[in-house]
C-alpha cells in the first residue's frame, strides 16, 4: 500500500474541526433563534406570578405554564464543541499512529481554535457581567449610602 493511500484519521479530524470552527463563527455573527424583547419576557413573568398569587389566595392550584421549547442556539453550540473535541481526539490518535504532521497539526489547530473561541466568548461574557454588577452596586451605594 502506498503512503498516499494510507487511511489517515487526522484528515477527518481536520475536516471536523474546520467544520466546527466555521459553524461557530457563522453562528456567532448570525444567531438562529430570535429572542423576544425584554419587555415581553418581563410581562409574561409578572403575569404568571400574578395568576399564581390569585390562584393561591382563592385556594386553587396555581396554573402551570411551563413552555419547553427547543433552543437551536444551545444545540448548535453544544454540537460545535462536541465536533471540536472529536477533532482533538482524532488528532491525538493520528499523532500516535505517526500520521502526516499537516493533518495532525490541522486537526489540533481547528479543534483547539474552536474550543478557544468558545472559551474567549465565555470569558468575555463573564468579565462584562462582573463589570456591570460592580457598576450597578457602585451606583446603588453612591445614591443610598448605608
N, C-alpha and C. Protein backbone atom coordinates (compact mmCIF):
# COMPACT_ATOMS: atom_id res chain seq x y z
N UNK A 1 0.86 -1.18 0.00
CA UNK A 1 0.00 0.00 0.00
C UNK A 1 0.90 1.23 0.00
N UNK A 2 0.61 2.15 -0.86
CA UNK A 2 1.45 3.36 -0.94
C UNK A 2 1.11 4.31 0.20
N UNK A 3 2.04 5.22 0.43
CA UNK A 3 1.88 6.15 1.54
C UNK A 3 0.75 7.15 1.30
N UNK A 4 0.46 7.47 0.05
CA UNK A 4 -0.59 8.45 -0.23
C UNK A 4 -1.99 7.89 -0.02
N UNK A 5 -2.13 6.57 -0.09
CA UNK A 5 -3.44 5.96 0.07
C UNK A 5 -3.66 5.43 1.49
N UNK A 6 -2.77 5.79 2.39
CA UNK A 6 -2.89 5.30 3.76
C UNK A 6 -4.11 5.95 4.42
N UNK A 7 -4.84 5.16 5.16
CA UNK A 7 -6.04 5.64 5.86
C UNK A 7 -5.59 6.57 6.98
N UNK A 8 -5.92 7.86 6.86
CA UNK A 8 -5.46 8.84 7.84
C UNK A 8 -6.65 9.40 8.62
N UNK A 9 -6.63 9.14 9.89
CA UNK A 9 -7.71 9.60 10.78
C UNK A 9 -7.61 11.10 11.01
N UNK A 10 -6.40 11.63 11.02
CA UNK A 10 -6.22 13.05 11.33
C UNK A 10 -6.86 13.95 10.27
N UNK A 11 -6.96 13.46 9.03
CA UNK A 11 -7.62 14.26 7.99
C UNK A 11 -9.09 14.46 8.34
N UNK A 12 -9.72 13.40 8.85
CA UNK A 12 -11.12 13.54 9.29
C UNK A 12 -11.23 14.48 10.47
N UNK A 13 -10.26 14.44 11.37
CA UNK A 13 -10.24 15.38 12.49
C UNK A 13 -10.10 16.81 12.03
N UNK A 14 -9.26 17.01 11.00
CA UNK A 14 -9.09 18.35 10.47
C UNK A 14 -10.39 18.84 9.82
N UNK A 15 -11.06 17.98 9.10
CA UNK A 15 -12.33 18.37 8.47
C UNK A 15 -13.40 18.68 9.52
N UNK A 16 -13.51 17.84 10.55
CA UNK A 16 -14.50 18.08 11.61
C UNK A 16 -14.18 19.37 12.38
N UNK A 17 -12.89 19.60 12.67
CA UNK A 17 -12.50 20.82 13.37
C UNK A 17 -12.77 22.06 12.55
N UNK A 18 -12.48 22.00 11.25
CA UNK A 18 -12.75 23.15 10.38
C UNK A 18 -14.25 23.42 10.28
N UNK A 19 -15.03 22.34 10.18
CA UNK A 19 -16.49 22.49 10.14
C UNK A 19 -17.00 23.12 11.43
N UNK A 20 -16.48 22.67 12.57
CA UNK A 20 -16.91 23.22 13.85
C UNK A 20 -16.55 24.70 13.96
N UNK A 21 -15.35 25.06 13.52
CA UNK A 21 -14.94 26.46 13.60
C UNK A 21 -15.77 27.34 12.67
N UNK A 22 -16.05 26.87 11.47
CA UNK A 22 -16.88 27.65 10.55
C UNK A 22 -18.30 27.83 11.08
N UNK A 23 -18.88 26.76 11.63
CA UNK A 23 -20.22 26.87 12.19
C UNK A 23 -20.22 27.83 13.38
N UNK A 24 -19.20 27.75 14.23
CA UNK A 24 -19.13 28.64 15.40
C UNK A 24 -19.03 30.11 14.99
N UNK A 25 -18.16 30.39 14.02
CA UNK A 25 -18.01 31.77 13.58
C UNK A 25 -19.27 32.30 12.91
N UNK A 26 -19.89 31.48 12.08
CA UNK A 26 -21.13 31.89 11.42
C UNK A 26 -22.25 32.09 12.44
N UNK A 27 -22.36 31.16 13.39
CA UNK A 27 -23.43 31.24 14.39
C UNK A 27 -23.23 32.42 15.32
N UNK A 28 -21.98 32.79 15.60
CA UNK A 28 -21.73 33.94 16.45
C UNK A 28 -22.22 35.22 15.78
N UNK A 29 -22.02 35.34 14.48
CA UNK A 29 -22.44 36.54 13.76
C UNK A 29 -23.92 36.55 13.43
N UNK A 30 -24.49 35.38 13.18
CA UNK A 30 -25.89 35.29 12.77
C UNK A 30 -26.61 34.23 13.60
N UNK A 31 -27.04 34.55 14.84
CA UNK A 31 -27.77 33.56 15.65
C UNK A 31 -29.09 33.18 14.98
N UNK A 32 -29.49 31.93 15.19
CA UNK A 32 -30.67 31.41 14.51
C UNK A 32 -31.97 31.76 15.22
N UNK A 33 -31.99 31.64 16.53
CA UNK A 33 -33.23 31.87 17.29
C UNK A 33 -33.38 33.36 17.58
N UNK A 34 -34.59 33.84 17.42
CA UNK A 34 -34.89 35.23 17.78
C UNK A 34 -35.53 35.22 19.15
N UNK A 35 -34.96 35.99 20.04
CA UNK A 35 -35.47 36.06 21.40
C UNK A 35 -36.47 37.21 21.48
N UNK A 36 -37.53 37.03 22.29
CA UNK A 36 -38.49 38.14 22.43
C UNK A 36 -37.83 39.30 23.18
N UNK A 37 -38.36 40.50 22.99
CA UNK A 37 -37.80 41.65 23.71
C UNK A 37 -37.92 41.47 25.22
N UNK A 38 -37.10 42.21 25.94
CA UNK A 38 -37.08 42.12 27.40
C UNK A 38 -38.43 42.47 28.00
N UNK A 39 -39.12 43.43 27.42
CA UNK A 39 -40.42 43.84 27.95
C UNK A 39 -41.43 42.70 27.90
N UNK A 40 -41.39 41.93 26.82
CA UNK A 40 -42.32 40.81 26.66
C UNK A 40 -42.01 39.73 27.69
N UNK A 41 -40.73 39.43 27.89
CA UNK A 41 -40.34 38.40 28.86
C UNK A 41 -40.74 38.81 30.27
N UNK A 42 -40.49 40.06 30.62
CA UNK A 42 -40.84 40.54 31.96
C UNK A 42 -42.36 40.54 32.14
N UNK A 43 -43.11 40.96 31.12
CA UNK A 43 -44.58 40.98 31.22
C UNK A 43 -45.13 39.56 31.40
N UNK A 44 -44.55 38.58 30.70
CA UNK A 44 -45.02 37.20 30.86
C UNK A 44 -44.74 36.68 32.27
N UNK A 45 -43.57 36.99 32.82
CA UNK A 45 -43.23 36.54 34.17
C UNK A 45 -44.14 37.19 35.21
N UNK A 46 -44.36 38.50 35.06
CA UNK A 46 -45.21 39.21 36.01
C UNK A 46 -46.64 38.68 35.94
N UNK A 47 -47.13 38.41 34.74
CA UNK A 47 -48.48 37.87 34.57
C UNK A 47 -48.61 36.49 35.21
N UNK A 48 -47.60 35.64 35.03
CA UNK A 48 -47.68 34.30 35.62
C UNK A 48 -47.59 34.36 37.14
N UNK A 49 -46.79 35.29 37.68
CA UNK A 49 -46.71 35.45 39.13
C UNK A 49 -48.05 35.95 39.68
N UNK A 50 -48.65 36.91 38.98
CA UNK A 50 -49.95 37.44 39.42
C UNK A 50 -51.01 36.35 39.41
N UNK A 51 -51.05 35.55 38.34
CA UNK A 51 -52.03 34.46 38.27
C UNK A 51 -51.79 33.43 39.35
N UNK A 52 -50.53 33.15 39.66
CA UNK A 52 -50.21 32.21 40.72
C UNK A 52 -50.63 32.71 42.09
N UNK A 53 -50.43 33.99 42.35
CA UNK A 53 -50.83 34.58 43.64
C UNK A 53 -52.35 34.58 43.77
N UNK A 54 -53.05 34.97 42.71
CA UNK A 54 -54.52 34.98 42.75
C UNK A 54 -55.08 33.57 42.96
N UNK A 55 -54.50 32.59 42.29
CA UNK A 55 -54.96 31.22 42.46
C UNK A 55 -54.68 30.73 43.88
N UNK A 56 -53.53 31.12 44.44
CA UNK A 56 -53.21 30.73 45.81
C UNK A 56 -54.14 31.37 46.82
N UNK A 57 -54.53 32.62 46.61
CA UNK A 57 -55.45 33.29 47.51
C UNK A 57 -56.85 32.68 47.45
N UNK A 58 -57.24 32.18 46.28
CA UNK A 58 -58.55 31.55 46.14
C UNK A 58 -58.55 30.09 46.60
N UNK A 59 -57.37 29.57 46.95
CA UNK A 59 -57.28 28.19 47.39
C UNK A 59 -57.21 27.19 46.24
N UNK A 60 -56.95 27.66 45.06
CA UNK A 60 -56.85 26.77 43.90
C UNK A 60 -55.38 26.42 43.65
N UNK A 61 -55.21 25.44 42.83
CA UNK A 61 -53.86 25.05 42.42
C UNK A 61 -53.37 26.07 41.38
N UNK A 62 -52.16 26.63 41.55
CA UNK A 62 -51.68 27.61 40.57
C UNK A 62 -51.47 26.96 39.20
N UNK A 63 -51.82 27.69 38.15
CA UNK A 63 -51.67 27.11 36.81
C UNK A 63 -50.20 26.96 36.45
N UNK A 64 -49.89 25.84 35.82
CA UNK A 64 -48.52 25.58 35.38
C UNK A 64 -48.43 25.93 33.90
N UNK A 65 -47.60 26.91 33.59
CA UNK A 65 -47.44 27.34 32.20
C UNK A 65 -45.98 27.17 31.79
N UNK A 66 -45.46 25.99 32.00
CA UNK A 66 -44.07 25.70 31.65
C UNK A 66 -44.00 25.40 30.15
N UNK A 67 -43.35 26.28 29.43
CA UNK A 67 -43.18 26.08 28.00
C UNK A 67 -41.73 25.67 27.74
N UNK A 68 -41.53 24.44 27.31
CA UNK A 68 -40.19 23.96 26.98
C UNK A 68 -40.06 23.94 25.47
N UNK A 69 -39.31 24.87 24.96
CA UNK A 69 -39.08 24.91 23.53
C UNK A 69 -37.65 24.48 23.24
N UNK A 70 -37.44 24.03 22.05
CA UNK A 70 -36.10 23.61 21.65
C UNK A 70 -35.29 24.87 21.32
N UNK A 71 -34.17 25.03 21.98
CA UNK A 71 -33.31 26.17 21.74
C UNK A 71 -32.21 25.75 20.76
N UNK A 72 -32.37 26.13 19.51
CA UNK A 72 -31.45 25.70 18.46
C UNK A 72 -30.06 26.27 18.68
N UNK A 73 -29.96 27.45 19.33
CA UNK A 73 -28.65 28.04 19.57
C UNK A 73 -27.82 27.20 20.54
N UNK A 74 -28.45 26.74 21.63
CA UNK A 74 -27.73 25.89 22.57
C UNK A 74 -27.34 24.56 21.94
N UNK A 75 -28.21 24.00 21.13
CA UNK A 75 -27.90 22.74 20.46
C UNK A 75 -26.71 22.93 19.51
N UNK A 76 -26.70 24.05 18.79
CA UNK A 76 -25.61 24.32 17.86
C UNK A 76 -24.29 24.55 18.58
N UNK A 77 -24.33 25.27 19.70
CA UNK A 77 -23.11 25.46 20.49
C UNK A 77 -22.57 24.14 21.01
N UNK A 78 -23.45 23.31 21.54
CA UNK A 78 -23.03 22.01 22.05
C UNK A 78 -22.47 21.12 20.94
N UNK A 79 -23.10 21.17 19.77
CA UNK A 79 -22.64 20.35 18.65
C UNK A 79 -21.26 20.79 18.19
N UNK A 80 -21.00 22.09 18.12
CA UNK A 80 -19.69 22.55 17.67
C UNK A 80 -18.61 22.22 18.69
N UNK A 81 -18.93 22.31 19.97
CA UNK A 81 -17.95 21.92 20.99
C UNK A 81 -17.68 20.42 20.90
N UNK A 82 -18.73 19.64 20.68
CA UNK A 82 -18.55 18.19 20.53
C UNK A 82 -17.71 17.86 19.31
N UNK A 83 -17.94 18.53 18.18
CA UNK A 83 -17.13 18.30 16.98
C UNK A 83 -15.67 18.68 17.22
N UNK A 84 -15.44 19.75 17.96
CA UNK A 84 -14.07 20.16 18.24
C UNK A 84 -13.36 19.13 19.12
N UNK A 85 -14.07 18.59 20.09
CA UNK A 85 -13.47 17.57 20.95
C UNK A 85 -13.16 16.31 20.15
N UNK A 86 -14.08 15.92 19.26
CA UNK A 86 -13.82 14.75 18.40
C UNK A 86 -12.61 15.01 17.51
N UNK A 87 -12.48 16.23 16.99
CA UNK A 87 -11.33 16.58 16.15
C UNK A 87 -10.03 16.47 16.94
N UNK A 88 -10.04 16.91 18.19
CA UNK A 88 -8.84 16.80 19.01
C UNK A 88 -8.50 15.34 19.32
N UNK A 89 -9.51 14.53 19.56
CA UNK A 89 -9.27 13.10 19.81
C UNK A 89 -8.70 12.43 18.56
N UNK A 90 -9.25 12.77 17.40
CA UNK A 90 -8.74 12.20 16.15
C UNK A 90 -7.31 12.68 15.87
N UNK A 91 -7.00 13.91 16.24
CA UNK A 91 -5.62 14.40 16.09
C UNK A 91 -4.69 13.63 17.01
N UNK A 92 -5.14 13.35 18.21
CA UNK A 92 -4.34 12.57 19.15
C UNK A 92 -4.08 11.16 18.61
N UNK A 93 -5.13 10.53 18.10
CA UNK A 93 -4.98 9.19 17.53
C UNK A 93 -4.04 9.23 16.32
N UNK A 94 -4.21 10.25 15.47
CA UNK A 94 -3.32 10.39 14.32
C UNK A 94 -1.88 10.62 14.73
N UNK A 95 -1.66 11.35 15.80
CA UNK A 95 -0.31 11.57 16.30
C UNK A 95 0.31 10.29 16.82
N UNK A 96 -0.49 9.48 17.50
CA UNK A 96 0.01 8.20 18.00
C UNK A 96 0.37 7.27 16.83
N UNK A 97 -0.45 7.32 15.77
CA UNK A 97 -0.20 6.47 14.60
C UNK A 97 0.89 7.04 13.70
N UNK A 98 1.48 8.19 14.09
CA UNK A 98 2.54 8.85 13.33
C UNK A 98 2.09 9.16 11.90
N UNK A 99 0.91 9.77 11.81
CA UNK A 99 0.40 10.16 10.51
C UNK A 99 1.07 11.46 10.07
N UNK A 100 0.64 11.96 8.93
CA UNK A 100 1.18 13.18 8.37
C UNK A 100 1.05 14.33 9.37
N UNK A 101 2.12 15.09 9.54
CA UNK A 101 2.13 16.19 10.51
C UNK A 101 1.16 17.30 10.16
N UNK A 102 0.92 17.49 8.86
CA UNK A 102 -0.02 18.52 8.45
C UNK A 102 -1.44 18.17 8.87
N UNK A 103 -1.81 16.94 8.74
CA UNK A 103 -3.16 16.51 9.14
C UNK A 103 -3.36 16.62 10.64
N UNK A 104 -2.35 16.13 11.39
CA UNK A 104 -2.45 16.20 12.85
C UNK A 104 -2.44 17.65 13.31
N UNK A 105 -1.56 18.47 12.74
CA UNK A 105 -1.50 19.89 13.11
C UNK A 105 -2.77 20.63 12.75
N UNK A 106 -3.34 20.31 11.59
CA UNK A 106 -4.59 20.96 11.18
C UNK A 106 -5.74 20.60 12.09
N UNK A 107 -5.81 19.32 12.47
CA UNK A 107 -6.88 18.90 13.39
C UNK A 107 -6.71 19.56 14.75
N UNK A 108 -5.47 19.65 15.23
CA UNK A 108 -5.22 20.35 16.50
C UNK A 108 -5.56 21.83 16.40
N UNK A 109 -5.19 22.44 15.29
CA UNK A 109 -5.44 23.88 15.11
C UNK A 109 -6.93 24.18 15.07
N UNK A 110 -7.66 23.46 14.23
CA UNK A 110 -9.09 23.76 14.07
C UNK A 110 -9.90 23.35 15.30
N UNK A 111 -9.62 22.19 15.86
CA UNK A 111 -10.34 21.77 17.07
C UNK A 111 -10.02 22.67 18.25
N UNK A 112 -8.72 22.96 18.44
CA UNK A 112 -8.33 23.85 19.53
C UNK A 112 -8.81 25.27 19.31
N UNK A 113 -8.82 25.71 18.05
CA UNK A 113 -9.32 27.06 17.75
C UNK A 113 -10.79 27.22 18.07
N UNK A 114 -11.56 26.17 17.79
CA UNK A 114 -12.99 26.22 18.11
C UNK A 114 -13.21 26.30 19.62
N UNK A 115 -12.48 25.46 20.37
CA UNK A 115 -12.63 25.49 21.83
C UNK A 115 -12.12 26.81 22.41
N UNK A 116 -11.04 27.34 21.83
CA UNK A 116 -10.52 28.63 22.31
C UNK A 116 -11.52 29.75 22.02
N UNK A 117 -12.17 29.70 20.86
CA UNK A 117 -13.17 30.71 20.50
C UNK A 117 -14.32 30.70 21.51
N UNK A 118 -14.80 29.51 21.87
CA UNK A 118 -15.88 29.42 22.85
C UNK A 118 -15.41 29.87 24.23
N UNK A 119 -14.17 29.53 24.59
CA UNK A 119 -13.64 29.94 25.90
C UNK A 119 -13.48 31.46 25.98
N UNK A 120 -13.04 32.08 24.88
CA UNK A 120 -12.88 33.54 24.86
C UNK A 120 -14.24 34.22 24.97
N UNK A 121 -15.24 33.68 24.27
CA UNK A 121 -16.58 34.26 24.37
C UNK A 121 -17.13 34.13 25.79
N UNK A 122 -16.94 32.96 26.40
CA UNK A 122 -17.42 32.75 27.77
C UNK A 122 -16.69 33.69 28.74
N UNK A 123 -15.37 33.81 28.58
CA UNK A 123 -14.59 34.69 29.46
C UNK A 123 -14.99 36.14 29.32
N UNK A 124 -15.21 36.58 28.07
CA UNK A 124 -15.62 37.97 27.86
C UNK A 124 -16.99 38.23 28.48
N UNK A 125 -17.91 37.29 28.34
CA UNK A 125 -19.22 37.44 28.95
C UNK A 125 -19.13 37.50 30.47
N UNK A 126 -18.27 36.67 31.04
CA UNK A 126 -18.09 36.67 32.49
C UNK A 126 -17.49 37.98 32.97
N UNK A 127 -16.49 38.47 32.27
CA UNK A 127 -15.84 39.73 32.67
C UNK A 127 -16.82 40.89 32.57
N UNK A 128 -17.57 40.97 31.47
CA UNK A 128 -18.53 42.07 31.32
C UNK A 128 -19.66 41.97 32.34
N UNK A 129 -20.07 40.76 32.69
CA UNK A 129 -21.10 40.59 33.73
C UNK A 129 -20.60 41.11 35.07
N UNK A 130 -19.36 40.81 35.41
CA UNK A 130 -18.79 41.30 36.67
C UNK A 130 -18.67 42.82 36.64
N UNK A 131 -18.26 43.38 35.52
CA UNK A 131 -18.14 44.84 35.41
C UNK A 131 -19.50 45.50 35.58
N UNK A 132 -20.54 44.95 34.96
CA UNK A 132 -21.88 45.52 35.09
C UNK A 132 -22.38 45.38 36.52
N UNK A 133 -22.12 44.25 37.16
CA UNK A 133 -22.54 44.05 38.55
C UNK A 133 -21.87 45.07 39.47
N UNK A 134 -20.57 45.28 39.29
CA UNK A 134 -19.84 46.25 40.11
C UNK A 134 -20.36 47.66 39.84
N UNK A 135 -20.66 47.98 38.59
CA UNK A 135 -21.18 49.32 38.26
C UNK A 135 -22.53 49.55 38.91
N UNK A 136 -23.40 48.54 38.87
CA UNK A 136 -24.72 48.68 39.49
C UNK A 136 -24.58 48.83 41.01
N UNK A 137 -23.71 48.04 41.63
CA UNK A 137 -23.51 48.16 43.08
C UNK A 137 -22.93 49.52 43.45
N UNK A 138 -21.99 50.01 42.66
CA UNK A 138 -21.44 51.34 42.93
C UNK A 138 -22.51 52.41 42.79
N UNK A 139 -23.36 52.27 41.79
CA UNK A 139 -24.45 53.22 41.59
C UNK A 139 -25.40 53.20 42.77
N UNK A 140 -25.78 52.00 43.24
CA UNK A 140 -26.70 51.90 44.37
C UNK A 140 -26.11 52.44 45.65
N UNK A 141 -24.84 52.13 45.93
CA UNK A 141 -24.23 52.59 47.16
C UNK A 141 -23.89 54.07 47.11
N UNK A 142 -23.77 54.64 45.91
CA UNK A 142 -23.49 56.08 45.82
C UNK A 142 -24.75 56.88 46.14
N UNK A 143 -25.93 56.37 45.73
CA UNK A 143 -27.17 57.09 45.99
C UNK A 143 -27.83 56.70 47.30
N UNK A 144 -27.53 55.52 47.79
CA UNK A 144 -28.12 55.05 49.04
C UNK A 144 -27.02 54.62 50.01
N UNK A 145 -26.26 55.58 50.52
CA UNK A 145 -25.19 55.19 51.46
C UNK A 145 -25.79 54.65 52.76
N UNK A 146 -25.13 53.64 53.29
CA UNK A 146 -25.61 52.92 54.45
C UNK A 146 -25.70 53.75 55.64
